[in-house]
Amino acid sequence: MRLLVLALFVTACGADHGSGTTHPDAAAVVTPDADQRFCDAPANSAHVSIVANNTTTGFTSVHAGGVISGGDVAPVTAPPMSLVLVFVDETRLPETAAYECTAPNQGCPYEGVVGRVDCVGCDGNDLGPHPITLQSLQQNVTVQGTLTITGFTAPFSPGPGHIAGSISTPDATVVGTFDNDFCMLLLSETI
């Protein structure tokens, strides 16, 4: 089974790079080479800010991933998935940095915010509000908030998938919008 997942990963990874696909209000993702060991995002794929220590810092790129539950058990609808959103100012994350930036204190070389949603689609709805935990990658800040998904195309069906929406916290510690394709490096499946 490990070989099957690896083959799916390698096959799907190519769709994340060099496609030049545009989405409303987002610049085209154009990769200068065919290196599949990067997560790419347009420079304006996010408009998210965090307030920490009385300073507001904004981030302009989002890299989305997560774990898809159940593989292709229900091909008509997207299976539930956990979701991870990495907000940084880097448009091109190398493979190692992409993994390091999915959680605080993992050596992420960039300042940013990572958001985690336990389950998108568990109630049958991908769109709409979901609880999210947001953490600063460089500072000791963790807040609970709301992720509102306004656009969702499931990863792997047929290509990299897409997610768009907004995030907010009750005290406005983290707020903003985002819109980008999923990064195949940050996606995995359980069967």
C-alpha atoms as a PDB file:
ATOM      1  CA  MET A   1       0.000   0.000   0.000  1.00  0.00           C
ATOM      2  CA  ARG A   2       2.887   2.377   0.651  1.00  0.00           C
ATOM      3  CA  LEU A   3       3.963   2.028  -2.965  1.00  0.00           C
ATOM      4  CA  LEU A   4       0.448   2.965  -4.127  1.00  0.00           C
ATOM      5  CA  VAL A   5       0.398   6.145  -2.034  1.00  0.00           C
ATOM      6  CA  LEU A   6       3.893   7.082  -3.224  1.00  0.00           C
ATOM      7  CA  ALA A   7       2.881   6.602  -6.856  1.00  0.00           C
ATOM      8  CA  LEU A   8      -0.186   8.789  -6.337  1.00  0.00           C
ATOM      9  CA  PHE A   9       1.957  11.428  -4.678  1.00  0.00           C
ATOM     10  CA  VAL A  10       4.485  11.546  -7.499  1.00  0.00           C
ATOM     11  CA  THR A  11       1.812  11.587 -10.198  1.00  0.00           C
ATOM     12  CA  ALA A  12      -0.238  14.297  -8.506  1.00  0.00           C
ATOM     13  CA  CYS A  13       2.754  16.434  -7.621  1.00  0.00           C
ATOM     14  CA  GLY A  14       3.357  17.480 -11.222  1.00  0.00           C
ATOM     15  CA  ALA A  15       0.010  19.269 -11.426  1.00  0.00           C
ATOM     16  CA  ASP A  16       1.060  21.768  -8.748  1.00  0.00           C
ATOM     17  CA  HIS A  17       3.863  23.201 -10.836  1.00  0.00           C
ATOM     18  CA  GLY A  18       3.994  25.092 -14.067  1.00  0.00           C
ATOM     19  CA  SER A  19       0.296  24.868 -14.778  1.00  0.00           C
ATOM     20  CA  GLY A  20      -0.178  28.614 -15.162  1.00  0.00           C
ATOM     21  CA  THR A  21      -3.778  28.158 -14.008  1.00  0.00           C
ATOM     22  CA  THR A  22      -5.375  31.374 -12.861  1.00  0.00           C
ATOM     23  CA  HIS A  23      -8.137  31.823 -10.335  1.00  0.00           C
ATOM     24  CA  PRO A  24     -10.223  34.938  -9.729  1.00  0.00           C
ATOM     25  CA  ASP A  25      -8.256  37.600  -7.843  1.00  0.00           C
ATOM     26  CA  ALA A  26      -5.045  35.539  -7.918  1.00  0.00           C
ATOM     27  CA  ALA A  27      -1.987  35.755 -10.105  1.00  0.00           C
ATOM     28  CA  ALA A  28      -0.963  32.744 -12.171  1.00  0.00           C
ATOM     29  CA  VAL A  29       1.315  30.234 -10.504  1.00  0.00           C
ATOM     30  CA  VAL A  30       4.212  29.867 -12.907  1.00  0.00           C
ATOM     31  CA  THR A  31       7.184  27.747 -11.924  1.00  0.00           C
ATOM     32  CA  PRO A  32      10.402  28.571 -13.751  1.00  0.00           C
ATOM     33  CA  ASP A  33      11.555  24.950 -13.709  1.00  0.00           C
ATOM     34  CA  ALA A  34      10.078  21.505 -13.357  1.00  0.00           C
ATOM     35  CA  ASP A  35      11.386  20.923  -9.831  1.00  0.00           C
ATOM     36  CA  GLN A  36       8.566  19.220  -7.956  1.00  0.00           C
ATOM     37  CA  ARG A  37      10.107  19.726  -4.536  1.00  0.00           C
ATOM     38  CA  PHE A  38       8.520  23.116  -3.911  1.00  0.00           C
ATOM     39  CA  CYS A  39       5.178  24.550  -2.811  1.00  0.00           C
ATOM     40  CA  ASP A  40       4.312  27.550  -4.974  1.00  0.00           C
ATOM     41  CA  ALA A  41       1.889  30.383  -4.255  1.00  0.00           C
ATOM     42  CA  PRO A  42       1.147  33.699  -5.927  1.00  0.00           C
ATOM     43  CA  ALA A  43       2.493  36.677  -4.001  1.00  0.00           C
ATOM     44  CA  ASN A  44      -1.063  37.878  -3.411  1.00  0.00           C
ATOM     45  CA  SER A  45      -2.673  34.542  -2.492  1.00  0.00           C
ATOM     46  CA  ALA A  46      -3.178  35.725   1.104  1.00  0.00           C
ATOM     47  CA  HIS A  47      -3.901  38.940   2.950  1.00  0.00           C
ATOM     48  CA  VAL A  48      -3.538  37.703   6.519  1.00  0.00           C
ATOM     49  CA  SER A  49      -2.198  39.567   9.521  1.00  0.00           C
ATOM     50  CA  ILE A  50      -1.331  38.689  13.103  1.00  0.00           C
ATOM     51  CA  VAL A  51      -1.067  41.065  16.051  1.00  0.00           C
ATOM     52  CA  ALA A  52       1.635  40.022  18.530  1.00  0.00           C
ATOM     53  CA  ASN A  53       3.391  42.200  21.091  1.00  0.00           C
ATOM     54  CA  ASN A  54       1.433  45.252  19.873  1.00  0.00           C
ATOM     55  CA  THR A  55       2.855  44.817  16.345  1.00  0.00           C
ATOM     56  CA  THR A  56       0.829  43.865  13.278  1.00  0.00           C
ATOM     57  CA  THR A  57       2.585  41.670  10.723  1.00  0.00           C
ATOM     58  CA  GLY A  58       1.021  40.735   7.388  1.00  0.00           C
ATOM     59  CA  PHE A  59       1.602  37.692   5.195  1.00  0.00           C
ATOM     60  CA  THR A  60       0.957  37.562   1.463  1.00  0.00           C
ATOM     61  CA  SER A  61       1.157  33.865   0.508  1.00  0.00           C
ATOM     62  CA  VAL A  62      -0.748  30.760   1.575  1.00  0.00           C
ATOM     63  CA  HIS A  63       0.353  27.148   1.152  1.00  0.00           C
ATOM     64  CA  ALA A  64      -2.465  24.642   1.776  1.00  0.00           C
ATOM     65  CA  GLY A  65      -2.326  20.954   2.606  1.00  0.00           C
ATOM     66  CA  GLY A  66      -3.758  18.340   4.915  1.00  0.00           C
ATOM     67  CA  VAL A  67      -4.662  14.701   5.333  1.00  0.00           C
ATOM     68  CA  ILE A  68      -7.510  13.296   3.270  1.00  0.00           C
ATOM     69  CA  SER A  69      -9.492  10.594   5.059  1.00  0.00           C
ATOM     70  CA  GLY A  70     -10.633   7.464   3.300  1.00  0.00           C
ATOM     71  CA  GLY A  71      -9.005   7.893  -0.102  1.00  0.00           C
ATOM     72  CA  ASP A  72     -11.495   7.325  -2.947  1.00  0.00           C
ATOM     73  CA  VAL A  73     -14.158   5.608  -0.861  1.00  0.00           C
ATOM     74  CA  ALA A  74     -16.807   8.133  -1.962  1.00  0.00           C
ATOM     75  CA  PRO A  75     -15.807   9.267  -5.470  1.00  0.00           C
ATOM     76  CA  VAL A  76     -18.878  11.486  -5.992  1.00  0.00           C
ATOM     77  CA  THR A  77     -18.170  13.710  -3.000  1.00  0.00           C
ATOM     78  CA  ALA A  78     -14.926  14.873  -1.457  1.00  0.00           C
ATOM     79  CA  PRO A  79     -13.910  12.783   1.531  1.00  0.00           C
ATOM     80  CA  PRO A  80     -13.381  14.589   4.839  1.00  0.00           C
ATOM     81  CA  MET A  81      -9.921  15.948   5.476  1.00  0.00           C
ATOM     82  CA  SER A  82      -7.859  17.742   8.080  1.00  0.00           C
ATOM     83  CA  LEU A  83      -6.531  21.028   6.756  1.00  0.00           C
ATOM     84  CA  VAL A  84      -3.307  22.950   7.272  1.00  0.00           C
ATOM     85  CA  LEU A  85      -2.773  26.503   5.988  1.00  0.00           C
ATOM     86  CA  VAL A  86       0.699  28.071   6.104  1.00  0.00           C
ATOM     87  CA  PHE A  87       0.722  31.874   5.790  1.00  0.00           C
ATOM     88  CA  VAL A  88       4.158  33.347   5.009  1.00  0.00           C
ATOM     89  CA  ASP A  89       5.693  35.937   2.682  1.00  0.00           C
ATOM     90  CA  GLU A  90       7.473  33.278   0.623  1.00  0.00           C
ATOM     91  CA  THR A  91       5.973  32.324  -2.738  1.00  0.00           C
ATOM     92  CA  ARG A  92       8.194  29.280  -3.165  1.00  0.00           C
ATOM     93  CA  LEU A  93       8.757  26.935  -0.225  1.00  0.00           C
ATOM     94  CA  PRO A  94      11.416  24.251  -0.659  1.00  0.00           C
ATOM     95  CA  GLU A  95      10.294  20.775   0.421  1.00  0.00           C
ATOM     96  CA  THR A  96      12.092  20.862   3.778  1.00  0.00           C
ATOM     97  CA  ALA A  97      10.775  24.328   4.672  1.00  0.00           C
ATOM     98  CA  ALA A  98       7.254  23.345   3.620  1.00  0.00           C
ATOM     99  CA  TYR A  99       7.262  20.524   6.178  1.00  0.00           C
ATOM    100  CA  GLU A 100       8.995  22.618   8.857  1.00  0.00           C
ATOM    101  CA  CYS A 101       6.444  25.412   8.486  1.00  0.00           C
ATOM    102  CA  THR A 102       3.409  23.210   9.155  1.00  0.00           C
ATOM    103  CA  ALA A 103       3.945  23.547  12.927  1.00  0.00           C
ATOM    104  CA  PRO A 104       5.621  25.959  15.343  1.00  0.00           C
ATOM    105  CA  ASN A 105       9.058  25.114  16.754  1.00  0.00           C
ATOM    106  CA  GLN A 106       9.926  22.801  13.845  1.00  0.00           C
ATOM    107  CA  GLY A 107      12.655  25.028  12.399  1.00  0.00           C
ATOM    108  CA  CYS A 108      10.597  27.030   9.902  1.00  0.00           C
ATOM    109  CA  PRO A 109      13.011  29.635   8.468  1.00  0.00           C
ATOM    110  CA  TYR A 110      10.196  32.153   7.843  1.00  0.00           C
ATOM    111  CA  GLU A 111       7.963  34.244  10.014  1.00  0.00           C
ATOM    112  CA  GLY A 112       4.347  33.251   9.577  1.00  0.00           C
ATOM    113  CA  VAL A 113       1.154  31.708  10.889  1.00  0.00           C
ATOM    114  CA  VAL A 114      -0.051  28.127  10.569  1.00  0.00           C
ATOM    115  CA  GLY A 115      -3.733  27.250  10.840  1.00  0.00           C
ATOM    116  CA  ARG A 116      -5.203  23.801  11.498  1.00  0.00           C
ATOM    117  CA  VAL A 117      -8.751  22.592  11.013  1.00  0.00           C
ATOM    118  CA  ASP A 118      -9.525  19.138  12.383  1.00  0.00           C
ATOM    119  CA  CYS A 119     -12.087  18.217   9.763  1.00  0.00           C
ATOM    120  CA  VAL A 120     -13.373  19.843   6.591  1.00  0.00           C
ATOM    121  CA  GLY A 121     -16.331  17.948   5.146  1.00  0.00           C
ATOM    122  CA  CYS A 122     -17.118  15.871   8.244  1.00  0.00           C
ATOM    123  CA  ASP A 123     -20.618  17.323   8.391  1.00  0.00           C
ATOM    124  CA  GLY A 124     -21.016  16.923   4.625  1.00  0.00           C
ATOM    125  CA  ASN A 125     -20.142  20.561   3.951  1.00  0.00           C
ATOM    126  CA  ASP A 126     -16.810  21.800   2.664  1.00  0.00           C
ATOM    127  CA  LEU A 127     -18.023  25.392   2.404  1.00  0.00           C
ATOM    128  CA  GLY A 128     -18.893  27.580   5.344  1.00  0.00           C
ATOM    129  CA  PRO A 129     -17.483  28.104   8.833  1.00  0.00           C
ATOM    130  CA  HIS A 130     -15.066  25.704  10.553  1.00  0.00           C
ATOM    131  CA  PRO A 131     -13.187  26.071  13.861  1.00  0.00           C
ATOM    132  CA  ILE A 132      -9.476  26.727  13.321  1.00  0.00           C
ATOM    133  CA  THR A 133      -6.440  26.862  15.612  1.00  0.00           C
ATOM    134  CA  LEU A 134      -3.903  29.486  14.538  1.00  0.00           C
ATOM    135  CA  GLN A 135      -0.314  29.588  15.772  1.00  0.00           C
ATOM    136  CA  SER A 136       2.549  31.961  15.095  1.00  0.00           C
ATOM    137  CA  LEU A 137       5.572  30.159  13.673  1.00  0.00           C
ATOM    138  CA  GLN A 138       8.048  32.436  15.470  1.00  0.00           C
ATOM    139  CA  GLN A 139       6.222  33.795  18.518  1.00  0.00           C
ATOM    140  CA  ASN A 140       4.356  32.213  21.401  1.00  0.00           C
ATOM    141  CA  VAL A 141       0.861  33.053  20.126  1.00  0.00           C
ATOM    142  CA  THR A 142      -1.971  30.514  19.734  1.00  0.00           C
ATOM    143  CA  VAL A 143      -5.592  31.552  19.150  1.00  0.00           C
ATOM    144  CA  GLN A 144      -8.863  29.871  18.260  1.00  0.00           C
ATOM    145  CA  GLY A 145     -10.891  31.323  15.425  1.00  0.00           C
ATOM    146  CA  THR A 146     -13.164  30.678  12.485  1.00  0.00           C
ATOM    147  CA  LEU A 147     -12.192  29.621   8.982  1.00  0.00           C
ATOM    148  CA  THR A 148     -14.919  30.382   6.458  1.00  0.00           C
ATOM    149  CA  ILE A 149     -14.381  28.442   3.232  1.00  0.00           C
ATOM    150  CA  THR A 150     -15.933  30.200   0.227  1.00  0.00           C
ATOM    151  CA  GLY A 151     -14.388  28.057  -2.512  1.00  0.00           C
ATOM    152  CA  PHE A 152     -13.264  24.424  -2.356  1.00  0.00           C
ATOM    153  CA  THR A 153     -12.160  21.872  -4.940  1.00  0.00           C
ATOM    154  CA  ALA A 154     -11.038  18.632  -3.332  1.00  0.00           C
ATOM    155  CA  PRO A 155      -7.355  17.721  -3.620  1.00  0.00           C
ATOM    156  CA  PHE A 156      -6.510  14.987  -6.142  1.00  0.00           C
ATOM    157  CA  SER A 157      -9.797  15.300  -8.014  1.00  0.00           C
ATOM    158  CA  PRO A 158      -8.792  15.750 -10.699  1.00  0.00           C
ATOM    159  CA  GLY A 159      -5.747  17.958 -10.082  1.00  0.00           C
ATOM    160  CA  PRO A 160      -4.264  19.803  -7.170  1.00  0.00           C
ATOM    161  CA  GLY A 161      -7.580  21.159  -5.864  1.00  0.00           C
ATOM    162  CA  HIS A 162      -8.206  24.672  -4.632  1.00  0.00           C
ATOM    163  CA  ILE A 163      -9.286  26.474  -1.461  1.00  0.00           C
ATOM    164  CA  ALA A 164     -10.382  30.057  -0.805  1.00  0.00           C
ATOM    165  CA  GLY A 165     -11.882  31.818   2.170  1.00  0.00           C
ATOM    166  CA  SER A 166     -11.258  33.966   5.207  1.00  0.00           C
ATOM    167  CA  ILE A 167     -10.091  33.599   8.791  1.00  0.00           C
ATOM    168  CA  SER A 168     -10.867  35.598  11.897  1.00  0.00           C
ATOM    169  CA  THR A 169     -10.477  35.400  15.645  1.00  0.00           C
ATOM    170  CA  PRO A 170     -12.797  36.973  18.225  1.00  0.00           C
ATOM    171  CA  ASP A 171     -10.143  39.451  19.365  1.00  0.00           C
ATOM    172  CA  ALA A 172      -8.829  40.105  15.808  1.00  0.00           C
ATOM    173  CA  THR A 173      -5.403  38.677  16.662  1.00  0.00           C
ATOM    174  CA  VAL A 174      -5.444  36.962  13.253  1.00  0.00           C
ATOM    175  CA  VAL A 175      -7.616  38.119  10.335  1.00  0.00           C
ATOM    176  CA  GLY A 176      -7.550  37.906   6.574  1.00  0.00           C
ATOM    177  CA  THR A 177      -8.396  36.175   3.314  1.00  0.00           C
ATOM    178  CA  PHE A 178      -6.684  33.555   1.147  1.00  0.00           C
ATOM    179  CA  ASP A 179      -7.026  31.846  -2.259  1.00  0.00           C
ATOM    180  CA  ASN A 180      -4.681  29.211  -3.743  1.00  0.00           C
ATOM    181  CA  ASP A 181      -4.306  25.659  -5.031  1.00  0.00           C
ATOM    182  CA  PHE A 182      -3.336  22.908  -2.608  1.00  0.00           C
ATOM    183  CA  CYS A 183       0.373  22.086  -2.477  1.00  0.00           C
ATOM    184  CA  MET A 184       0.868  18.411  -3.281  1.00  0.00           C
ATOM    185  CA  LEU A 185       3.882  18.221  -0.952  1.00  0.00           C
ATOM    186  CA  LEU A 186       1.613  19.022   1.991  1.00  0.00           C
ATOM    187  CA  LEU A 187      -1.097  16.481   1.132  1.00  0.00           C
ATOM    188  CA  SER A 188      -1.432  12.866   2.179  1.00  0.00           C
ATOM    189  CA  GLU A 189      -4.213  10.277   2.344  1.00  0.00           C
ATOM    190  CA  THR A 190      -5.358   7.651   4.770  1.00  0.00           C
ATOM    191  CA  ILE A 191      -7.140   4.572   3.510  1.00  0.00           C
END
